[in-house]
């Protein structure tokens, strides 16, 4: 997408850092002293059973929630300490793909995707070209005038990705982006995520129940020359292969970090809890 690269960080500093983050509600703590770091261009896969705090982690990273204690730093900003007016500006730097798409049912795809641009009072003559560009990226330009009710589940998910990209964010947060989709449609979504990572250098924090999505992101890359997804081992250019964006796993259990490490560590583990995600 035109202009995307100029907005992305070029160094390999931390993009997201959680330090001893605690968050709870009336029923007690959900996150209990969580600490981790996501480096620029890296993809961190959040795994864990329902209720372990994966979606809450994404909302904390987006500045939609504040921790009860600890700190959250994103793109060099301690967002856990920012006043609300500064948080509003910060959130425009983050793309968020919600599990169910969270589209407005009463307005067409074009206005759903352009929602942030309308909020920012972008000139009307600039809006349509930008909307068409991101819809072209997710291969849905033909659906620009349709209502969400006229789309399949996979198409709605792709519209949600297009909306997340409209401000060309350096970080995108994905909440179970393939949940409820058939295998072929899931692969389409994973290909889009790979393309964003490998062509535009987008950093990702992705919550999922599907370990296979994480393995796909770890073992495959999008080759811009051929325009297709290839296995990392198929890349004959040693320098390019060495530059493959890193994918790691963070596994929650009972609101705490139970495991943090490489994909092969999970694949080869005999740990009963980690093996749950391999079934």
Protein backbone atom coordinates (compact mmCIF):
# COMPACT_ATOMS: atom_id res chain seq x y z
CA UNK A 1 0.00 0.00 0.00
CA UNK A 2 1.35 3.38 -0.96
CA UNK A 3 3.00 5.28 1.87
CA UNK A 4 2.85 2.41 4.37
CA UNK A 5 6.58 1.86 4.69
CA UNK A 6 7.30 5.46 5.66
CA UNK A 7 5.18 5.08 8.80
CA UNK A 8 6.87 1.94 10.07
CA UNK A 9 9.77 1.84 12.54
CA UNK A 10 13.08 0.76 11.02
CA UNK A 11 14.92 -0.32 14.16
CA UNK A 12 14.32 -3.43 16.22
CA UNK A 13 13.30 -1.85 19.51
CA UNK A 14 10.36 -3.00 21.57
CA UNK A 15 6.97 -2.20 20.07
CA UNK A 16 4.88 -3.45 23.02
CA UNK A 17 6.03 -4.01 26.61
CA UNK A 18 3.95 -5.26 29.55
CA UNK A 19 5.58 -5.06 32.98
CA UNK A 20 3.93 -6.87 35.90
CA UNK A 21 0.44 -6.01 34.62
CA UNK A 22 -2.50 -6.82 36.85
CA UNK A 23 -6.14 -6.37 35.91
CA UNK A 24 -9.21 -7.60 37.72
CA UNK A 25 -12.93 -7.17 38.09
CA UNK A 26 -15.48 -8.04 40.78
CA UNK A 27 -14.75 -11.75 40.45
CA UNK A 28 -11.05 -11.19 41.11
CA UNK A 29 -7.84 -10.79 39.13
CA UNK A 30 -7.90 -11.90 35.50
CA UNK A 31 -4.30 -10.95 34.68
CA UNK A 32 -1.88 -11.61 37.53
CA UNK A 33 1.48 -9.93 37.04
CA UNK A 34 1.90 -10.43 33.29
CA UNK A 35 5.21 -9.36 31.70
CA UNK A 36 6.31 -9.74 28.08
CA UNK A 37 7.78 -7.82 25.16
CA UNK A 38 6.98 -7.73 21.43
CA UNK A 39 9.77 -6.40 19.25
CA UNK A 40 9.19 -4.44 16.06
CA UNK A 41 8.18 -6.62 13.08
CA UNK A 42 7.69 -9.56 15.43
CA UNK A 43 4.46 -11.57 15.72
CA UNK A 44 3.53 -12.77 19.20
CA UNK A 45 0.83 -15.45 19.37
CA UNK A 46 -1.28 -15.40 22.55
CA UNK A 47 -2.63 -18.84 23.47
CA UNK A 48 -4.73 -19.83 26.42
CA UNK A 49 -8.06 -21.29 27.42
CA UNK A 50 -11.18 -19.13 27.48
CA UNK A 51 -11.11 -16.60 30.31
CA UNK A 52 -7.33 -16.46 30.73
CA UNK A 53 -7.11 -12.81 29.63
CA UNK A 54 -6.11 -12.88 25.95
CA UNK A 55 -8.66 -10.33 24.75
CA UNK A 56 -8.04 -8.16 27.80
CA UNK A 57 -4.35 -8.11 26.88
CA UNK A 58 -5.21 -6.78 23.42
CA UNK A 59 -7.47 -4.10 24.88
CA UNK A 60 -4.72 -3.03 27.27
CA UNK A 61 -2.27 -2.79 24.35
CA UNK A 62 -4.78 -0.65 22.44
CA UNK A 63 -5.33 1.69 25.38
CA UNK A 64 -8.97 0.61 25.69
CA UNK A 65 -8.37 -0.53 29.27
CA UNK A 66 -5.97 0.55 32.00
CA UNK A 67 -4.21 -1.95 34.25
CA UNK A 68 -4.89 -1.93 37.99
CA UNK A 69 -1.11 -1.99 38.45
CA UNK A 70 2.00 -2.40 36.36
CA UNK A 71 2.74 -0.60 33.11
CA UNK A 72 1.95 -0.94 29.41
CA UNK A 73 4.28 0.75 26.91
CA UNK A 74 3.48 0.84 23.19
CA UNK A 75 5.57 2.59 20.53
CA UNK A 76 7.52 4.36 23.25
CA UNK A 77 4.41 5.68 25.05
CA UNK A 78 3.47 4.56 28.56
CA UNK A 79 -0.17 4.32 27.60
CA UNK A 80 -1.16 3.10 31.06
CA UNK A 81 -0.35 6.65 32.25
CA UNK A 82 -1.65 8.76 29.35
CA UNK A 83 -4.65 11.06 29.91
CA UNK A 84 -7.74 10.21 27.86
CA UNK A 85 -7.28 13.01 25.30
CA UNK A 86 -3.79 11.71 24.45
CA UNK A 87 -5.06 8.14 24.35
CA UNK A 88 -7.55 9.10 21.63
CA UNK A 89 -4.69 10.24 19.40
CA UNK A 90 -2.60 7.20 20.28
CA UNK A 91 -5.33 4.70 19.35
CA UNK A 92 -5.21 5.96 15.77
CA UNK A 93 -1.74 4.40 15.53
CA UNK A 94 -3.06 0.93 16.39
CA UNK A 95 -5.12 -1.36 14.20
CA UNK A 96 -7.56 -3.66 16.02
CA UNK A 97 -9.26 -6.61 14.32
CA UNK A 98 -12.11 -7.76 16.54
CA UNK A 99 -13.18 -11.40 16.63
CA UNK A 100 -16.63 -10.81 15.17
CA UNK A 101 -15.58 -7.96 12.90
CA UNK A 102 -17.57 -5.40 14.95
CA UNK A 103 -18.91 -3.76 11.79
CA UNK A 104 -21.78 -1.27 11.75
CA UNK A 105 -24.68 -3.19 10.21
CA UNK A 106 -26.60 -0.15 8.96
CA UNK A 107 -23.89 1.38 6.77
CA UNK A 108 -22.09 -0.01 3.70
CA UNK A 109 -18.60 -1.44 3.61
CA UNK A 110 -17.13 1.85 2.35
CA UNK A 111 -18.34 3.80 5.39
CA UNK A 112 -17.32 1.04 7.80
CA UNK A 113 -13.77 1.14 6.46
CA UNK A 114 -13.71 4.96 6.36
CA UNK A 115 -15.05 5.39 9.89
CA UNK A 116 -11.77 6.64 11.38
CA UNK A 117 -11.17 8.95 8.43
CA UNK A 118 -14.58 10.56 8.98
CA UNK A 119 -13.77 10.94 12.68
CA UNK A 120 -10.49 12.64 11.76
CA UNK A 121 -12.31 14.93 9.30
CA UNK A 122 -10.14 13.81 6.39
CA UNK A 123 -11.02 15.60 3.16
CA UNK A 124 -13.79 13.77 1.30
CA UNK A 125 -11.79 13.62 -1.94
CA UNK A 126 -9.04 11.71 -0.08
CA UNK A 127 -11.32 9.18 1.59
CA UNK A 128 -12.52 7.11 -1.36
CA UNK A 129 -9.06 6.42 -2.84
CA UNK A 130 -7.77 5.30 0.57
CA UNK A 131 -10.80 3.09 1.17
CA UNK A 132 -10.45 1.50 -2.25
CA UNK A 133 -6.74 0.92 -1.64
CA UNK A 134 -7.22 -1.07 1.58
CA UNK A 135 -10.20 -2.96 0.16
CA UNK A 136 -8.06 -3.86 -2.85
CA UNK A 137 -5.43 -5.15 -0.43
CA UNK A 138 -7.95 -7.55 1.15
CA UNK A 139 -9.40 -8.33 -2.31
CA UNK A 140 -12.83 -6.84 -1.56
CA UNK A 141 -12.98 -3.69 -3.65
CA UNK A 142 -15.99 -5.18 -5.45
CA UNK A 143 -17.90 -5.21 -2.12
CA UNK A 144 -17.46 -1.48 -1.43
CA UNK A 145 -21.20 -0.68 -1.66
CA UNK A 146 -22.52 -3.80 0.10
CA UNK A 147 -23.92 -3.95 3.62
CA UNK A 148 -22.27 -6.25 6.20
CA UNK A 149 -25.37 -8.47 6.15
CA UNK A 150 -24.65 -9.22 2.49
CA UNK A 151 -21.16 -10.56 3.26
CA UNK A 152 -19.95 -13.99 4.34
CA UNK A 153 -18.18 -14.39 7.68
CA UNK A 154 -14.78 -14.42 5.99
CA UNK A 155 -15.58 -11.29 3.99
CA UNK A 156 -16.66 -9.46 7.15
CA UNK A 157 -13.37 -10.43 8.78
CA UNK A 158 -11.46 -9.05 5.79
CA UNK A 159 -13.45 -5.80 5.94
CA UNK A 160 -12.46 -5.57 9.60
CA UNK A 161 -8.80 -5.95 8.58
CA UNK A 162 -9.24 -3.25 5.92
CA UNK A 163 -10.73 -0.91 8.52
CA UNK A 164 -7.82 -1.61 10.87
CA UNK A 165 -5.36 -0.67 8.12
CA UNK A 166 -6.97 2.57 6.98
CA UNK A 167 -4.52 4.71 9.01
CA UNK A 168 -1.54 2.52 8.05
CA UNK A 169 -0.72 1.49 11.65
CA UNK A 170 2.69 0.02 12.55
CA UNK A 171 0.97 -2.40 14.98
CA UNK A 172 -2.12 -4.53 14.41
CA UNK A 173 -3.87 -6.45 17.18
CA UNK A 174 -5.89 -9.51 16.14
CA UNK A 175 -8.53 -11.08 18.35
CA UNK A 176 -9.10 -14.66 17.12
CA UNK A 177 -9.07 -13.58 13.45
CA UNK A 178 -9.90 -17.06 12.09
CA UNK A 179 -12.44 -18.13 14.73
CA UNK A 180 -15.52 -19.74 13.20
CA UNK A 181 -14.14 -19.72 9.66
CA UNK A 182 -13.68 -22.71 7.38
CA UNK A 183 -10.08 -23.84 6.66
CA UNK A 184 -9.88 -22.19 3.22
CA UNK A 185 -11.16 -18.84 4.48
CA UNK A 186 -8.86 -19.08 7.52
CA UNK A 187 -5.91 -19.51 5.16
CA UNK A 188 -6.96 -16.35 3.30
CA UNK A 189 -6.87 -14.40 6.58
CA UNK A 190 -3.46 -15.85 7.53
CA UNK A 191 -2.12 -14.91 4.09
CA UNK A 192 -3.21 -11.31 4.66
CA UNK A 193 -1.46 -11.25 8.05
CA UNK A 194 1.70 -12.70 6.49
CA UNK A 195 1.58 -10.12 3.73
CA UNK A 196 1.26 -7.26 6.19
CA UNK A 197 4.18 -8.61 8.22
CA UNK A 198 6.56 -9.55 5.42
CA UNK A 199 5.86 -6.77 2.91
CA UNK A 200 5.03 -3.84 5.20
CA UNK A 201 6.83 -4.84 8.42
CA UNK A 202 3.73 -4.65 10.60
CA UNK A 203 4.13 -5.83 14.21
CA UNK A 204 1.34 -8.14 15.40
CA UNK A 205 -0.09 -9.36 18.68
CA UNK A 206 -2.54 -12.15 17.85
CA UNK A 207 -4.82 -13.95 20.29
CA UNK A 208 -6.14 -17.32 19.15
CA UNK A 209 -7.28 -20.79 20.18
CA UNK A 210 -5.84 -22.22 16.96
CA UNK A 211 -2.24 -23.33 17.34
CA UNK A 212 -2.11 -24.11 13.61
CA UNK A 213 -2.46 -20.38 12.86
CA UNK A 214 0.64 -19.70 14.92
CA UNK A 215 2.60 -22.43 13.21
CA UNK A 216 1.56 -21.10 9.80
CA UNK A 217 2.84 -17.64 10.73
CA UNK A 218 6.06 -19.11 12.10
CA UNK A 219 6.83 -21.47 9.22
CA UNK A 220 5.66 -19.53 6.18
CA UNK A 221 6.34 -16.14 4.64
CA UNK A 222 4.81 -14.03 1.91
CA UNK A 223 7.10 -13.69 -1.09
CA UNK A 224 6.37 -10.32 -2.75
CA UNK A 225 8.18 -11.34 -5.93
CA UNK A 226 5.95 -14.32 -6.62
CA UNK A 227 2.93 -12.92 -4.78
CA UNK A 228 2.40 -16.17 -2.90
CA UNK A 229 3.02 -17.81 0.45
CA UNK A 230 6.10 -20.04 0.64
CA UNK A 231 7.65 -22.18 3.36
CA UNK A 232 10.64 -20.54 5.03
CA UNK A 233 12.86 -23.38 3.84
CA UNK A 234 11.93 -22.62 0.21
CA UNK A 235 13.61 -19.23 0.30
CA UNK A 236 16.89 -19.76 -1.52
CA UNK A 237 18.27 -16.36 -0.58
CA UNK A 238 20.16 -16.86 2.68
CA UNK A 239 20.12 -13.16 3.57
CA UNK A 240 16.37 -12.93 2.95
CA UNK A 241 15.74 -16.12 4.90
CA UNK A 242 17.72 -14.78 7.84
CA UNK A 243 15.50 -11.70 7.81
CA UNK A 244 12.26 -13.67 8.22
CA UNK A 245 10.13 -11.95 10.84
CA UNK A 246 10.18 -13.83 14.12
CA UNK A 247 7.07 -15.50 15.53
CA UNK A 248 6.93 -16.50 19.20
CA UNK A 249 4.28 -17.94 21.49
CA UNK A 250 2.99 -16.70 24.83
CA UNK A 251 0.72 -19.13 26.67
CA UNK A 252 -1.53 -17.99 29.51
CA UNK A 253 -2.80 -20.15 32.33
CA UNK A 254 -4.93 -18.81 35.17
CA UNK A 255 -4.08 -15.24 34.15
CA UNK A 256 -0.32 -15.74 34.28
CA UNK A 257 2.36 -16.38 31.68
CA UNK A 258 2.77 -20.16 31.69
CA UNK A 259 5.10 -20.44 28.71
CA UNK A 260 6.99 -18.08 26.41
CA UNK A 261 9.10 -19.39 23.58
CA UNK A 262 9.57 -20.67 20.06
CA UNK A 263 7.07 -22.73 18.03
CA UNK A 264 9.21 -25.86 18.03
CA UNK A 265 9.36 -25.80 21.82
CA UNK A 266 5.59 -26.25 21.95
CA UNK A 267 5.58 -28.79 19.14
CA UNK A 268 8.15 -30.93 20.95
CA UNK A 269 6.84 -30.42 24.47
CA UNK A 270 5.51 -33.17 26.72
CA UNK A 271 3.89 -30.63 29.04
CA UNK A 272 0.23 -31.68 29.52
CA UNK A 273 -1.13 -28.11 29.35
CA UNK A 274 0.83 -27.19 26.21
CA UNK A 275 -0.19 -30.46 24.59
CA UNK A 276 -3.84 -29.40 24.93
CA UNK A 277 -3.25 -26.91 22.13
CA UNK A 278 -1.76 -29.57 19.86
CA UNK A 279 -4.91 -31.70 19.89
